Every structure is written in C-alpha cells, then in structure tokens.
C-alpha cells in the first residue's frame, strides 16, 4: 500500500479524486471477538483506539491534505523521517548481486 498509494495519487492528480492511506493501528471493533481474540487482554488499553476516533482523525488528515495518515502518531516528523529513509533504500532493494556482507558468508559456506 505504501507504494500503490503514491502511484494512484500521481495518476489521479487533477481529477478531483484524492487518495489517502490510513495506517490505523489496533482499533477496538467487534471483528476481534469474531476472530476469537479478547483484544482487551491481548493488547493494553493504551494501544486500542475507538473506531469513531480513528475515523475522525483520518478525515482530519484528509482535510489537511495528508497523503498518509497515522491517527495515533503524535509527531508527523517521525513519519517523514521513516518515509525519507524508506525512499532512500528503494533503489538498493533490487540488485543483480547480494550485498557484500552476504557474499563473504556465501564464500565461507562453499569453502572458498
């Protein structure tokens, strides 16, 4: 979703359609019970957001023009730093050889 959403945003630019990715974390819903999970016991209260609060936060993020909204994250700068680091790694995630640290391990494994 982190790669699809920006592509959709680019494709739909100028059409009046906005694309927003919401990364909500754990939300208190009946879905947990249907899955047989006692969510209150599985997670602390500090980790559970009410569904209506998550929706309100997501809509506020959309109104603010956020392309990615994380309702529970207090400091947007943390997301921006993460995203900058992720974007910086993208060109390095697909190469024709393993990283040097793995080539040394491979050489040892075959007795070179």
N, C-alpha and C. Protein backbone atom coordinates (compact mmCIF):
# COMPACT_ATOMS: atom_id res chain seq x y z
N UNK A 1 0.82 -1.18 0.00
CA UNK A 1 0.00 0.00 0.00
C UNK A 1 0.87 1.26 0.00
N UNK A 2 2.04 1.16 0.65
CA UNK A 2 2.92 2.34 0.69
C UNK A 2 3.44 2.71 -0.69
N UNK A 3 3.52 1.76 -1.58
CA UNK A 3 3.96 2.06 -2.94
C UNK A 3 2.79 2.34 -3.87
N UNK A 4 1.66 1.67 -3.65
CA UNK A 4 0.50 1.83 -4.52
C UNK A 4 -0.15 3.21 -4.35
N UNK A 5 -0.29 3.66 -3.12
CA UNK A 5 -0.98 4.92 -2.87
C UNK A 5 -0.35 6.11 -3.59
N UNK A 6 0.99 6.30 -3.52
CA UNK A 6 1.56 7.43 -4.26
C UNK A 6 1.36 7.33 -5.77
N UNK A 7 1.39 6.11 -6.30
CA UNK A 7 1.16 5.94 -7.74
C UNK A 7 -0.27 6.34 -8.10
N UNK A 8 -1.23 5.94 -7.28
CA UNK A 8 -2.61 6.34 -7.51
C UNK A 8 -2.77 7.85 -7.39
N UNK A 9 -2.08 8.44 -6.41
CA UNK A 9 -2.14 9.90 -6.25
C UNK A 9 -1.64 10.60 -7.50
N UNK A 10 -0.55 10.09 -8.08
CA UNK A 10 0.00 10.67 -9.30
C UNK A 10 -0.97 10.51 -10.47
N UNK A 11 -1.50 9.30 -10.62
CA UNK A 11 -2.40 9.02 -11.74
C UNK A 11 -3.69 9.84 -11.67
N UNK A 12 -4.15 10.13 -10.46
CA UNK A 12 -5.42 10.82 -10.29
C UNK A 12 -5.26 12.33 -10.06
N UNK A 13 -4.03 12.81 -10.10
CA UNK A 13 -3.80 14.25 -9.90
C UNK A 13 -4.59 15.05 -10.93
N UNK A 14 -5.24 16.08 -10.44
CA UNK A 14 -6.01 16.95 -11.32
C UNK A 14 -7.41 16.47 -11.64
N UNK A 15 -7.80 15.31 -11.12
CA UNK A 15 -9.13 14.77 -11.40
C UNK A 15 -10.14 15.12 -10.31
N UNK A 16 -9.67 15.65 -9.19
CA UNK A 16 -10.56 15.92 -8.07
C UNK A 16 -10.69 14.74 -7.12
N UNK A 17 -10.08 13.61 -7.48
CA UNK A 17 -10.09 12.43 -6.61
C UNK A 17 -8.84 12.47 -5.76
N UNK A 18 -9.01 12.33 -4.45
CA UNK A 18 -7.87 12.31 -3.54
C UNK A 18 -7.67 10.90 -3.02
N UNK A 19 -6.43 10.51 -2.89
CA UNK A 19 -6.07 9.20 -2.36
C UNK A 19 -5.35 9.41 -1.04
N UNK A 20 -5.79 8.69 -0.03
CA UNK A 20 -5.18 8.79 1.29
C UNK A 20 -4.97 7.38 1.82
N UNK A 21 -3.79 7.11 2.33
CA UNK A 21 -3.50 5.85 3.00
C UNK A 21 -3.63 6.09 4.50
N UNK A 22 -4.44 5.28 5.17
CA UNK A 22 -4.60 5.40 6.62
C UNK A 22 -3.97 4.16 7.26
N UNK A 23 -3.05 4.39 8.17
CA UNK A 23 -2.39 3.32 8.92
C UNK A 23 -2.87 3.43 10.37
N UNK A 24 -3.97 2.73 10.69
CA UNK A 24 -4.67 3.00 11.94
C UNK A 24 -4.13 2.33 13.20
N UNK A 25 -3.35 1.30 13.12
CA UNK A 25 -3.01 0.58 14.35
C UNK A 25 -4.20 -0.25 14.81
N UNK A 26 -4.20 -0.65 16.06
CA UNK A 26 -5.26 -1.50 16.60
C UNK A 26 -6.50 -0.66 16.93
N UNK A 27 -7.62 -1.08 16.38
CA UNK A 27 -8.90 -0.39 16.58
C UNK A 27 -9.85 -1.33 17.31
N UNK A 28 -10.50 -0.79 18.30
CA UNK A 28 -11.48 -1.60 19.06
C UNK A 28 -12.73 -1.79 18.20
N UNK A 29 -12.90 -3.01 17.69
CA UNK A 29 -14.09 -3.34 16.91
C UNK A 29 -14.55 -4.75 17.27
N UNK A 30 -15.74 -5.11 16.82
CA UNK A 30 -16.28 -6.45 17.06
C UNK A 30 -15.54 -7.51 16.26
N UNK A 31 -14.75 -7.09 15.27
CA UNK A 31 -14.01 -8.05 14.45
C UNK A 31 -13.09 -8.92 15.31
N UNK A 32 -12.51 -8.35 16.35
CA UNK A 32 -11.62 -9.11 17.21
C UNK A 32 -12.36 -10.27 17.86
N UNK A 33 -13.55 -9.99 18.38
CA UNK A 33 -14.35 -11.04 19.03
C UNK A 33 -14.71 -12.14 18.05
N UNK A 34 -15.09 -11.75 16.82
CA UNK A 34 -15.44 -12.74 15.80
C UNK A 34 -14.26 -13.64 15.47
N UNK A 35 -13.05 -13.10 15.63
CA UNK A 35 -11.85 -13.89 15.39
C UNK A 35 -11.41 -14.69 16.60
N UNK A 36 -12.18 -14.58 17.67
CA UNK A 36 -11.87 -15.33 18.88
C UNK A 36 -10.77 -14.72 19.73
N UNK A 37 -10.53 -13.43 19.57
CA UNK A 37 -9.47 -12.76 20.32
C UNK A 37 -10.09 -11.80 21.34
N UNK A 38 -9.67 -11.96 22.58
CA UNK A 38 -10.07 -11.00 23.61
C UNK A 38 -9.08 -9.84 23.53
N UNK A 39 -9.41 -8.84 22.76
CA UNK A 39 -8.48 -7.77 22.44
C UNK A 39 -8.03 -7.01 23.68
N UNK A 40 -8.90 -6.88 24.65
CA UNK A 40 -8.52 -6.15 25.86
C UNK A 40 -7.42 -6.89 26.60
N UNK A 41 -7.46 -8.20 26.56
CA UNK A 41 -6.39 -8.99 27.20
C UNK A 41 -5.15 -9.06 26.32
N UNK A 42 -5.33 -9.07 25.00
CA UNK A 42 -4.21 -9.20 24.08
C UNK A 42 -3.37 -7.93 23.99
N UNK A 43 -4.02 -6.78 24.06
CA UNK A 43 -3.32 -5.50 23.95
C UNK A 43 -3.70 -4.61 25.12
N UNK A 44 -2.80 -3.72 25.47
CA UNK A 44 -3.12 -2.79 26.56
C UNK A 44 -4.10 -1.74 26.07
N UNK A 45 -4.79 -1.13 26.99
CA UNK A 45 -5.77 -0.08 26.66
C UNK A 45 -5.11 1.07 25.90
N UNK A 46 -3.83 1.33 26.21
CA UNK A 46 -3.12 2.43 25.55
C UNK A 46 -2.92 2.18 24.05
N UNK A 47 -3.07 0.93 23.63
CA UNK A 47 -2.85 0.59 22.22
C UNK A 47 -4.14 0.52 21.41
N UNK A 48 -5.29 0.62 22.06
CA UNK A 48 -6.57 0.46 21.37
C UNK A 48 -7.26 1.79 21.17
N UNK A 49 -7.56 2.09 19.92
CA UNK A 49 -8.28 3.32 19.60
C UNK A 49 -9.73 2.96 19.29
N UNK A 50 -10.62 3.83 19.67
CA UNK A 50 -12.03 3.64 19.32
C UNK A 50 -12.20 3.93 17.82
N UNK A 51 -13.08 3.21 17.18
CA UNK A 51 -13.26 3.33 15.73
C UNK A 51 -13.68 4.74 15.32
N UNK A 52 -14.60 5.35 16.08
CA UNK A 52 -15.04 6.68 15.69
C UNK A 52 -13.93 7.72 15.81
N UNK A 53 -13.04 7.55 16.78
CA UNK A 53 -11.90 8.47 16.90
C UNK A 53 -10.93 8.28 15.73
N UNK A 54 -10.71 7.05 15.31
CA UNK A 54 -9.83 6.79 14.19
C UNK A 54 -10.39 7.40 12.92
N UNK A 55 -11.69 7.24 12.70
CA UNK A 55 -12.32 7.81 11.50
C UNK A 55 -12.22 9.33 11.53
N UNK A 56 -12.51 9.94 12.67
CA UNK A 56 -12.40 11.40 12.78
C UNK A 56 -10.98 11.88 12.47
N UNK A 57 -9.99 11.17 13.01
CA UNK A 57 -8.60 11.54 12.76
C UNK A 57 -8.24 11.37 11.29
N UNK A 58 -8.70 10.27 10.68
CA UNK A 58 -8.42 10.03 9.26
C UNK A 58 -9.03 11.13 8.39
N UNK A 59 -10.25 11.52 8.71
CA UNK A 59 -10.90 12.59 7.95
C UNK A 59 -10.21 13.93 8.16
N UNK A 60 -9.74 14.17 9.38
CA UNK A 60 -8.99 15.41 9.63
C UNK A 60 -7.69 15.41 8.82
N UNK A 61 -7.04 14.26 8.74
CA UNK A 61 -5.83 14.15 7.93
C UNK A 61 -6.12 14.39 6.46
N UNK A 62 -7.23 13.86 5.99
CA UNK A 62 -7.63 14.09 4.60
C UNK A 62 -7.89 15.57 4.36
N UNK A 63 -8.60 16.21 5.28
CA UNK A 63 -8.86 17.65 5.17
C UNK A 63 -7.56 18.46 5.16
N UNK A 64 -6.54 17.98 5.89
CA UNK A 64 -5.25 18.66 5.95
C UNK A 64 -4.37 18.35 4.74
N UNK A 65 -4.86 17.47 3.86
CA UNK A 65 -4.09 17.14 2.66
C UNK A 65 -3.04 16.07 2.86
N UNK A 66 -3.11 15.33 3.96
CA UNK A 66 -2.13 14.27 4.19
C UNK A 66 -2.34 13.14 3.20
N UNK A 67 -1.27 12.67 2.61
CA UNK A 67 -1.37 11.51 1.73
C UNK A 67 -1.31 10.22 2.54
N UNK A 68 -0.66 10.30 3.69
CA UNK A 68 -0.61 9.18 4.64
C UNK A 68 -0.99 9.73 6.00
N UNK A 69 -1.97 9.08 6.62
CA UNK A 69 -2.42 9.49 7.95
C UNK A 69 -2.23 8.33 8.91
N UNK A 70 -1.55 8.61 10.01
CA UNK A 70 -1.37 7.63 11.09
C UNK A 70 -2.01 8.25 12.32
N UNK A 71 -3.27 7.91 12.59
CA UNK A 71 -4.02 8.59 13.65
C UNK A 71 -3.37 8.62 15.02
N UNK A 72 -2.60 7.61 15.37
CA UNK A 72 -2.04 7.56 16.73
C UNK A 72 -0.65 8.17 16.83
N UNK A 73 -0.03 8.53 15.72
CA UNK A 73 1.34 9.05 15.75
C UNK A 73 1.35 10.53 16.11
N UNK A 74 1.90 10.89 17.29
CA UNK A 74 1.86 12.29 17.72
C UNK A 74 2.70 13.23 16.87
N UNK A 75 3.86 12.78 16.41
CA UNK A 75 4.80 13.67 15.72
C UNK A 75 4.94 13.27 14.26
N UNK A 76 4.40 14.07 13.38
CA UNK A 76 4.45 13.79 11.94
C UNK A 76 5.89 13.71 11.43
N UNK A 77 6.82 14.38 12.09
CA UNK A 77 8.23 14.35 11.68
C UNK A 77 8.79 12.93 11.75
N UNK A 78 8.28 12.11 12.66
CA UNK A 78 8.74 10.72 12.75
C UNK A 78 8.35 9.95 11.49
N UNK A 79 7.15 10.14 11.00
CA UNK A 79 6.73 9.51 9.76
C UNK A 79 7.57 10.02 8.59
N UNK A 80 7.78 11.31 8.54
CA UNK A 80 8.55 11.90 7.44
C UNK A 80 9.97 11.35 7.41
N UNK A 81 10.60 11.18 8.59
CA UNK A 81 11.96 10.61 8.65
C UNK A 81 11.95 9.15 8.20
N UNK A 82 10.95 8.39 8.64
CA UNK A 82 10.82 6.99 8.21
C UNK A 82 10.66 6.91 6.70
N UNK A 83 9.78 7.72 6.16
CA UNK A 83 9.49 7.69 4.73
C UNK A 83 10.72 8.11 3.92
N UNK A 84 11.47 9.10 4.39
CA UNK A 84 12.69 9.51 3.70
C UNK A 84 13.71 8.37 3.69
N UNK A 85 13.85 7.68 4.81
CA UNK A 85 14.77 6.54 4.87
C UNK A 85 14.30 5.42 3.95
N UNK A 86 13.01 5.15 3.93
CA UNK A 86 12.45 4.10 3.07
C UNK A 86 12.67 4.44 1.60
N UNK A 87 12.41 5.68 1.23
CA UNK A 87 12.61 6.11 -0.15
C UNK A 87 14.08 6.01 -0.55
N UNK A 88 14.97 6.33 0.39
CA UNK A 88 16.40 6.24 0.12
C UNK A 88 16.86 4.81 -0.12
N UNK A 89 16.18 3.84 0.48
CA UNK A 89 16.55 2.44 0.30
C UNK A 89 16.00 1.83 -0.98
N UNK A 90 14.93 2.38 -1.52
CA UNK A 90 14.26 1.75 -2.66
C UNK A 90 15.19 1.38 -3.81
N UNK A 91 16.11 2.24 -4.24
CA UNK A 91 16.96 1.85 -5.36
C UNK A 91 17.93 0.71 -5.03
N UNK A 92 18.09 0.42 -3.76
CA UNK A 92 19.04 -0.60 -3.33
C UNK A 92 18.38 -1.95 -3.04
N UNK A 93 17.07 -2.03 -3.18
CA UNK A 93 16.35 -3.25 -2.79
C UNK A 93 16.31 -4.32 -3.87
N UNK A 94 16.73 -3.99 -5.07
CA UNK A 94 16.75 -4.98 -6.14
C UNK A 94 18.02 -4.76 -6.96
N UNK A 95 18.99 -5.65 -6.76
CA UNK A 95 20.27 -5.56 -7.47
C UNK A 95 20.64 -6.95 -8.00
N UNK A 96 21.63 -6.98 -8.89
CA UNK A 96 21.98 -8.25 -9.52
C UNK A 96 22.96 -9.08 -8.70
N UNK A 97 23.44 -8.57 -7.58
CA UNK A 97 24.33 -9.34 -6.70
C UNK A 97 23.93 -9.11 -5.25
N UNK A 98 24.25 -10.08 -4.39
CA UNK A 98 23.98 -9.87 -2.97
C UNK A 98 24.89 -8.78 -2.41
N UNK A 99 24.48 -8.19 -1.32
CA UNK A 99 25.30 -7.21 -0.63
C UNK A 99 26.61 -7.88 -0.19
N UNK A 100 27.69 -7.12 -0.12
CA UNK A 100 28.98 -7.70 0.25
C UNK A 100 28.96 -8.53 1.53
N UNK A 101 28.18 -8.13 2.50
CA UNK A 101 28.16 -8.89 3.76
C UNK A 101 27.64 -10.31 3.56
N UNK A 102 26.84 -10.54 2.52
CA UNK A 102 26.33 -11.87 2.25
C UNK A 102 27.26 -12.65 1.35
N UNK A 103 28.00 -11.99 0.50
CA UNK A 103 28.94 -12.69 -0.39
C UNK A 103 30.03 -13.35 0.43
N UNK A 104 30.48 -12.70 1.51
CA UNK A 104 31.51 -13.29 2.35
C UNK A 104 30.97 -14.55 3.02
N UNK A 105 29.74 -14.53 3.46
CA UNK A 105 29.12 -15.70 4.08
C UNK A 105 28.98 -16.82 3.07
N UNK A 106 28.59 -16.50 1.84
CA UNK A 106 28.44 -17.49 0.79
C UNK A 106 29.78 -18.15 0.48
N UNK A 107 30.83 -17.36 0.39
CA UNK A 107 32.16 -17.89 0.10
C UNK A 107 32.60 -18.85 1.19
N UNK A 108 32.34 -18.53 2.45
CA UNK A 108 32.70 -19.42 3.56
C UNK A 108 31.92 -20.72 3.49
N UNK A 109 30.63 -20.62 3.11
CA UNK A 109 29.77 -21.79 3.07
C UNK A 109 30.22 -22.80 2.01
N UNK A 110 30.78 -22.32 0.92
CA UNK A 110 31.23 -23.23 -0.14
C UNK A 110 32.71 -23.57 -0.01
N UNK A 111 33.36 -23.06 1.04
CA UNK A 111 34.74 -23.38 1.32
C UNK A 111 35.75 -22.62 0.48
N UNK A 112 35.40 -21.42 0.04
CA UNK A 112 36.34 -20.60 -0.75
C UNK A 112 37.22 -19.79 0.17
